[in-house]
PDB file of N, CA and C in Angstrom:
ATOM      1  N   MET A   1       0.750  -1.097  -0.232  1.00  0.00           N
ATOM      2  CA  MET A   1      -0.043  -0.064  -0.146  1.00  0.00           C
ATOM      3  C   MET A   1       0.819   1.043  -0.019  1.00  0.00           C
ATOM      4  N   GLY A   2       0.212   2.059  -0.614  1.00  0.00           N
ATOM      5  CA  GLY A   2       0.987   3.414  -0.762  1.00  0.00           C
ATOM      6  C   GLY A   2       0.943   4.320   0.579  1.00  0.00           C
ATOM      7  N   GLU A   3       1.245   5.969   0.290  1.00  0.00           N
ATOM      8  CA  GLU A   3       0.968   6.665   1.462  1.00  0.00           C
ATOM      9  C   GLU A   3      -0.485   6.900   1.706  1.00  0.00           C
ATOM     10  N   CYS A   4      -0.993   6.709   3.040  1.00  0.00           N
ATOM     11  CA  CYS A   4      -2.155   7.392   3.184  1.00  0.00           C
ATOM     12  C   CYS A   4      -2.720   8.485   2.770  1.00  0.00           C
ATOM     13  N   HIS A   5      -4.125   8.714   2.077  1.00  0.00           N
ATOM     14  CA  HIS A   5      -4.723  10.052   2.025  1.00  0.00           C
ATOM     15  C   HIS A   5      -5.696   9.988   2.395  1.00  0.00           C
ATOM     16  N   TYR A   6      -6.691  11.125   1.901  1.00  0.00           N
ATOM     17  CA  TYR A   6      -8.157  11.617   2.362  1.00  0.00           C
ATOM     18  C   TYR A   6      -8.687  11.373   0.716  1.00  0.00           C
ATOM     19  N   CYS A   7      -9.253  10.646  -0.046  1.00  0.00           N
ATOM     20  CA  CYS A   7      -9.980  11.050  -1.068  1.00  0.00           C
ATOM     21  C   CYS A   7     -11.240  11.633  -1.026  1.00  0.00           C
ATOM     22  N   PHE A   8     -11.745  12.005  -2.516  1.00  0.00           N
ATOM     23  CA  PHE A   8     -12.672  12.401  -2.319  1.00  0.00           C
ATOM     24  C   PHE A   8     -14.182  11.756  -2.896  1.00  0.00           C
ATOM     25  N   ASN A   9     -13.374  10.615  -3.345  1.00  0.00           N
ATOM     26  CA  ASN A   9     -14.353   9.278  -3.929  1.00  0.00           C
ATOM     27  C   ASN A   9     -15.040   8.574  -2.901  1.00  0.00           C
ATOM     28  N   CYS A  10     -14.183   8.203  -1.990  1.00  0.00           N
ATOM     29  CA  CYS A  10     -15.088   7.391  -0.842  1.00  0.00           C
ATOM     30  C   CYS A  10     -14.924   7.970   0.444  1.00  0.00           C
ATOM     31  N   GLY A  11     -13.791   8.692   0.948  1.00  0.00           N
ATOM     32  CA  GLY A  11     -13.895   9.000   1.948  1.00  0.00           C
ATOM     33  C   GLY A  11     -13.422   8.706   3.235  1.00  0.00           C
ATOM     34  N   ARG A  12     -12.454   7.237   2.591  1.00  0.00           N
ATOM     35  CA  ARG A  12     -11.937   6.312   3.315  1.00  0.00           C
ATOM     36  C   ARG A  12     -10.567   6.297   2.918  1.00  0.00           C
ATOM     37  N   CYS A  13      -9.671   6.150   4.003  1.00  0.00           N
ATOM     38  CA  CYS A  13      -8.401   5.642   3.905  1.00  0.00           C
ATOM     39  C   CYS A  13      -8.006   4.532   3.064  1.00  0.00           C
ATOM     40  N   ARG A  14      -7.639   4.628   1.879  1.00  0.00           N
ATOM     41  CA  ARG A  14      -7.128   3.402   1.078  1.00  0.00           C
ATOM     42  C   ARG A  14      -6.130   2.788   0.711  1.00  0.00           C
ATOM     43  N   GLY A  15      -5.422   4.184   0.936  1.00  0.00           N
ATOM     44  CA  GLY A  15      -3.979   3.661   0.254  1.00  0.00           C
ATOM     45  C   GLY A  15      -3.207   3.670  -0.912  1.00  0.00           C
ATOM     46  N   GLU A  16      -4.233   4.087  -1.764  1.00  0.00           N
ATOM     47  CA  GLU A  16      -4.350   4.033  -3.308  1.00  0.00           C
ATOM     48  C   GLU A  16      -4.657   5.691  -3.590  1.00  0.00           C
ATOM     49  N   THR A  17      -4.177   6.028  -4.867  1.00  0.00           N
ATOM     50  CA  THR A  17      -4.840   7.492  -5.432  1.00  0.00           C
ATOM     51  C   THR A  17      -6.151   6.895  -6.419  1.00  0.00           C
ATOM     52  N   PRO A  18      -7.463   7.277  -6.226  1.00  0.00           N
ATOM     53  CA  PRO A  18      -8.456   7.003  -6.810  1.00  0.00           C
ATOM     54  C   PRO A  18      -8.476   7.623  -8.000  1.00  0.00           C
ATOM     55  N   PRO A  19      -8.937   7.343  -9.364  1.00  0.00           N
ATOM     56  CA  PRO A  19      -9.204   7.581 -10.575  1.00  0.00           C
ATOM     57  C   PRO A  19      -9.893   8.801 -10.847  1.00  0.00           C
ATOM     58  N   ALA A  20      -9.499   9.488 -11.384  1.00  0.00           N
ATOM     59  CA  ALA A  20      -9.981  10.962 -11.577  1.00  0.00           C
ATOM     60  C   ALA A  20     -11.397  11.048 -12.318  1.00  0.00           C
ATOM     61  N   VAL A  21     -12.352  11.354 -12.295  1.00  0.00           N
ATOM     62  CA  VAL A  21     -13.397  11.771 -12.664  1.00  0.00           C
ATOM     63  C   VAL A  21     -14.044  13.349 -12.583  1.00  0.00           C
ATOM     64  N   TYR A  22     -14.755  13.141 -13.713  1.00  0.00           N
ATOM     65  CA  TYR A  22     -15.628  14.295 -14.196  1.00  0.00           C
ATOM     66  C   TYR A  22     -16.893  15.071 -13.326  1.00  0.00           C
ATOM     67  N   ALA A  23     -16.768  16.092 -12.870  1.00  0.00           N
ATOM     68  CA  ALA A  23     -17.467  16.679 -11.962  1.00  0.00           C
ATOM     69  C   ALA A  23     -18.863  17.671 -12.718  1.00  0.00           C
ATOM     70  N   ARG A  24     -19.680  17.837 -12.015  1.00  0.00           N
ATOM     71  CA  ARG A  24     -21.145  18.399 -12.841  1.00  0.00           C
ATOM     72  C   ARG A  24     -20.840  19.806 -12.557  1.00  0.00           C
ATOM     73  N   THR A  25     -20.196  20.396 -11.560  1.00  0.00           N
ATOM     74  CA  THR A  25     -20.013  21.608 -11.130  1.00  0.00           C
ATOM     75  C   THR A  25     -18.573  22.181 -11.137  1.00  0.00           C
ATOM     76  N   CYS A  26     -18.583  23.269 -11.975  1.00  0.00           N
ATOM     77  CA  CYS A  26     -17.365  24.016 -12.245  1.00  0.00           C
ATOM     78  C   CYS A  26     -16.357  23.951 -11.291  1.00  0.00           C
ATOM     79  N   PRO A  27     -14.938  23.818 -10.972  1.00  0.00           N
ATOM     80  CA  PRO A  27     -14.406  24.069  -9.948  1.00  0.00           C
ATOM     81  C   PRO A  27     -13.884  25.493  -9.881  1.00  0.00           C
ATOM     82  N   ALA A  28     -13.506  26.414 -11.145  1.00  0.00           N
ATOM     83  CA  ALA A  28     -13.200  27.601 -10.986  1.00  0.00           C
ATOM     84  C   ALA A  28     -14.258  28.551 -11.090  1.00  0.00           C
ATOM     85  N   CYS A  29     -15.680  28.425 -11.481  1.00  0.00           N
ATOM     86  CA  CYS A  29     -16.681  29.314 -11.368  1.00  0.00           C
ATOM     87  C   CYS A  29     -18.090  29.067 -10.927  1.00  0.00           C
ATOM     88  N   LEU A  30     -17.899  27.579 -10.479  1.00  0.00           N
ATOM     89  CA  LEU A  30     -19.040  27.068  -9.698  1.00  0.00           C
ATOM     90  C   LEU A  30     -20.421  27.223 -10.711  1.00  0.00           C
ATOM     91  N   PHE A  31     -20.403  26.696 -12.206  1.00  0.00           N
ATOM     92  CA  PHE A  31     -21.307  26.680 -12.743  1.00  0.00           C
ATOM     93  C   PHE A  31     -22.079  25.411 -12.756  1.00  0.00           C
ATOM     94  N   LYS A  32     -23.113  25.082 -13.157  1.00  0.00           N
ATOM     95  CA  LYS A  32     -23.675  23.758 -12.906  1.00  0.00           C
ATOM     96  C   LYS A  32     -23.694  23.320 -14.179  1.00  0.00           C
ATOM     97  N   ASN A  33     -23.203  22.302 -14.768  1.00  0.00           N
ATOM     98  CA  ASN A  33     -22.975  22.072 -15.946  1.00  0.00           C
ATOM     99  C   ASN A  33     -23.746  20.501 -16.483  1.00  0.00           C
ATOM    100  N   GLU A  34     -24.058  20.784 -17.963  1.00  0.00           N
ATOM    101  CA  GLU A  34     -25.090  19.463 -18.041  1.00  0.00           C
ATOM    102  C   GLU A  34     -24.235  17.980 -17.687  1.00  0.00           C
ATOM    103  N   ALA A  35     -24.922  16.965 -17.200  1.00  0.00           N
ATOM    104  CA  ALA A  35     -24.625  16.149 -17.010  1.00  0.00           C
ATOM    105  C   ALA A  35     -23.598  15.479 -18.171  1.00  0.00           C
ATOM    106  N   GLY A  36     -22.446  15.009 -18.110  1.00  0.00           N
ATOM    107  CA  GLY A  36     -21.649  14.260 -19.479  1.00  0.00           C
ATOM    108  C   GLY A  36     -20.448  15.458 -19.738  1.00  0.00           C
ATOM    109  N   SER A  37     -20.399  16.517 -19.300  1.00  0.00           N
ATOM    110  CA  SER A  37     -19.823  17.671 -20.374  1.00  0.00           C
ATOM    111  C   SER A  37     -18.443  17.620 -19.602  1.00  0.00           C
ATOM    112  N   LYS A  38     -17.801  17.735 -20.533  1.00  0.00           N
ATOM    113  CA  LYS A  38     -15.979  17.550 -20.044  1.00  0.00           C
ATOM    114  C   LYS A  38     -15.450  19.013 -19.665  1.00  0.00           C
ATOM    115  N   ALA A  39     -15.951  20.045 -20.197  1.00  0.00           N
ATOM    116  CA  ALA A  39     -15.652  21.342 -19.767  1.00  0.00           C
ATOM    117  C   ALA A  39     -16.575  22.299 -19.633  1.00  0.00           C
ATOM    118  N   CYS A  40     -16.221  23.124 -18.734  1.00  0.00           N
ATOM    119  CA  CYS A  40     -17.433  24.002 -18.539  1.00  0.00           C
ATOM    120  C   CYS A  40     -18.268  25.068 -19.676  1.00  0.00           C
ATOM    121  N   ALA A  41     -19.408  25.157 -19.878  1.00  0.00           N
ATOM    122  CA  ALA A  41     -19.870  25.847 -20.897  1.00  0.00           C
ATOM    123  C   ALA A  41     -19.647  27.155 -20.522  1.00  0.00           C
ATOM    124  N   LYS A  42     -19.575  27.628 -19.390  1.00  0.00           N
ATOM    125  CA  LYS A  42     -19.153  29.307 -18.772  1.00  0.00           C
ATOM    126  C   LYS A  42     -18.045  29.684 -19.091  1.00  0.00           C
ATOM    127  N   CYS A  43     -17.068  28.816 -18.584  1.00  0.00           N
ATOM    128  CA  CYS A  43     -15.590  29.489 -18.314  1.00  0.00           C
ATOM    129  C   CYS A  43     -14.918  28.669 -19.283  1.00  0.00           C
ATOM    130  N   GLY A  44     -14.926  27.361 -19.806  1.00  0.00           N
ATOM    131  CA  GLY A  44     -14.053  26.944 -20.537  1.00  0.00           C
ATOM    132  C   GLY A  44     -13.458  25.625 -19.553  1.00  0.00           C
ATOM    133  N   GLU A  45     -13.199  26.276 -18.138  1.00  0.00           N
ATOM    134  CA  GLU A  45     -12.104  25.316 -17.399  1.00  0.00           C
ATOM    135  C   GLU A  45     -12.489  23.937 -17.404  1.00  0.00           C
ATOM    136  N   SER A  46     -12.081  23.074 -17.381  1.00  0.00           N
ATOM    137  CA  SER A  46     -11.927  21.298 -17.496  1.00  0.00           C
ATOM    138  C   SER A  46     -12.472  21.139 -15.978  1.00  0.00           C
ATOM    139  N   LEU A  47     -13.427  20.015 -16.453  1.00  0.00           N
ATOM    140  CA  LEU A  47     -14.329  19.498 -15.309  1.00  0.00           C
ATOM    141  C   LEU A  47     -13.457  18.193 -14.914  1.00  0.00           C
ATOM    142  N   LEU A  48     -12.730  17.970 -15.223  1.00  0.00           N
ATOM    143  CA  LEU A  48     -11.695  16.903 -14.971  1.00  0.00           C
ATOM    144  C   LEU A  48     -11.208  16.714 -13.480  1.00  0.00           C
ATOM    145  N   MET A  49     -11.870  16.445 -12.471  1.00  0.00           N
ATOM    146  CA  MET A  49     -11.334  15.978 -11.264  1.00  0.00           C
ATOM    147  C   MET A  49     -10.221  15.398 -10.565  1.00  0.00           C
ATOM    148  N   ASP A  50      -8.970  15.623 -10.622  1.00  0.00           N
ATOM    149  CA  ASP A  50      -7.781  14.857 -10.720  1.00  0.00           C
ATOM    150  C   ASP A  50      -7.468  14.773  -8.750  1.00  0.00           C
ATOM    151  N   PRO A  51      -7.352  13.539  -8.634  1.00  0.00           N
ATOM    152  CA  PRO A  51      -7.447  13.632  -7.023  1.00  0.00           C
ATOM    153  C   PRO A  51      -5.658  14.167  -6.890  1.00  0.00           C
ATOM    154  N   THR A  52      -5.351  13.791  -7.493  1.00  0.00           N
ATOM    155  CA  THR A  52      -3.452  14.160  -7.287  1.00  0.00           C
ATOM    156  C   THR A  52      -3.249  16.190  -7.427  1.00  0.00           C
ATOM    157  N   ARG A  53      -4.356  16.682  -7.673  1.00  0.00           N
ATOM    158  CA  ARG A  53      -4.350  18.192  -7.488  1.00  0.00           C
ATOM    159  C   ARG A  53      -5.382  18.743  -6.568  1.00  0.00           C
ATOM    160  N   VAL A  54      -4.664  19.867  -6.010  1.00  0.00           N
ATOM    161  CA  VAL A  54      -5.520  20.755  -4.784  1.00  0.00           C
ATOM    162  C   VAL A  54      -6.316  21.809  -5.588  1.00  0.00           C
ATOM    163  N   TYR A  55      -7.371  21.837  -4.951  1.00  0.00           N
ATOM    164  CA  TYR A  55      -8.696  22.553  -5.194  1.00  0.00           C
ATOM    165  C   TYR A  55      -8.832  23.686  -4.512  1.00  0.00           C
ATOM    166  N   ARG A  56      -8.897  24.732  -4.857  1.00  0.00           N
ATOM    167  CA  ARG A  56      -9.266  25.846  -3.917  1.00  0.00           C
ATOM    168  C   ARG A  56     -10.803  26.625  -4.212  1.00  0.00           C
ATOM    169  N   LYS A  57     -11.099  27.341  -3.487  1.00  0.00           N
ATOM    170  CA  LYS A  57     -12.308  27.922  -4.038  1.00  0.00           C
ATOM    171  C   LYS A  57     -11.702  29.274  -4.768  1.00  0.00           C
ATOM    172  N   PRO A  58     -12.679  29.709  -5.764  1.00  0.00           N
ATOM    173  CA  PRO A  58     -12.154  30.753  -6.455  1.00  0.00           C
ATOM    174  C   PRO A  58     -12.185  32.319  -5.786  1.00  0.00           C
ATOM    175  N   SER A  59     -12.688  32.402  -4.477  1.00  0.00           N
ATOM    176  CA  SER A  59     -11.944  33.407  -3.635  1.00  0.00           C
ATOM    177  C   SER A  59     -10.620  33.376  -3.050  1.00  0.00           C
ATOM    178  N   GLN A  60     -10.184  31.987  -3.252  1.00  0.00           N
ATOM    179  CA  GLN A  60      -8.736  31.999  -2.461  1.00  0.00           C
ATOM    180  C   GLN A  60      -7.431  31.784  -3.874  1.00  0.00           C
ATOM    181  N   ARG A  61      -8.229  31.828  -4.882  1.00  0.00           N
ATOM    182  CA  ARG A  61      -6.917  32.132  -6.071  1.00  0.00           C
ATOM    183  C   ARG A  61      -5.939  33.000  -6.310  1.00  0.00           C
ATOM    184  N   ALA A  62      -4.795  32.634  -6.745  1.00  0.00           N
ATOM    185  CA  ALA A  62      -4.072  33.661  -6.378  1.00  0.00           C
ATOM    186  C   ALA A  62      -3.909  34.533  -7.660  1.00  0.00           C
TER     187      ALA A  62
END
């Protein structure tokens, strides 16, 4: 098993990196997109939620 982490998929420590998933709500502008979208219809941001990336609220972005 790898290093322990908290994943957004199951909320339990499994010691492995979960697969990336597509979110419906844009992490950049919080626009709710159609199911199955791969990019935000409002701002164009990718909807791919990669578990190895740290996501912050838009007000906290640099």
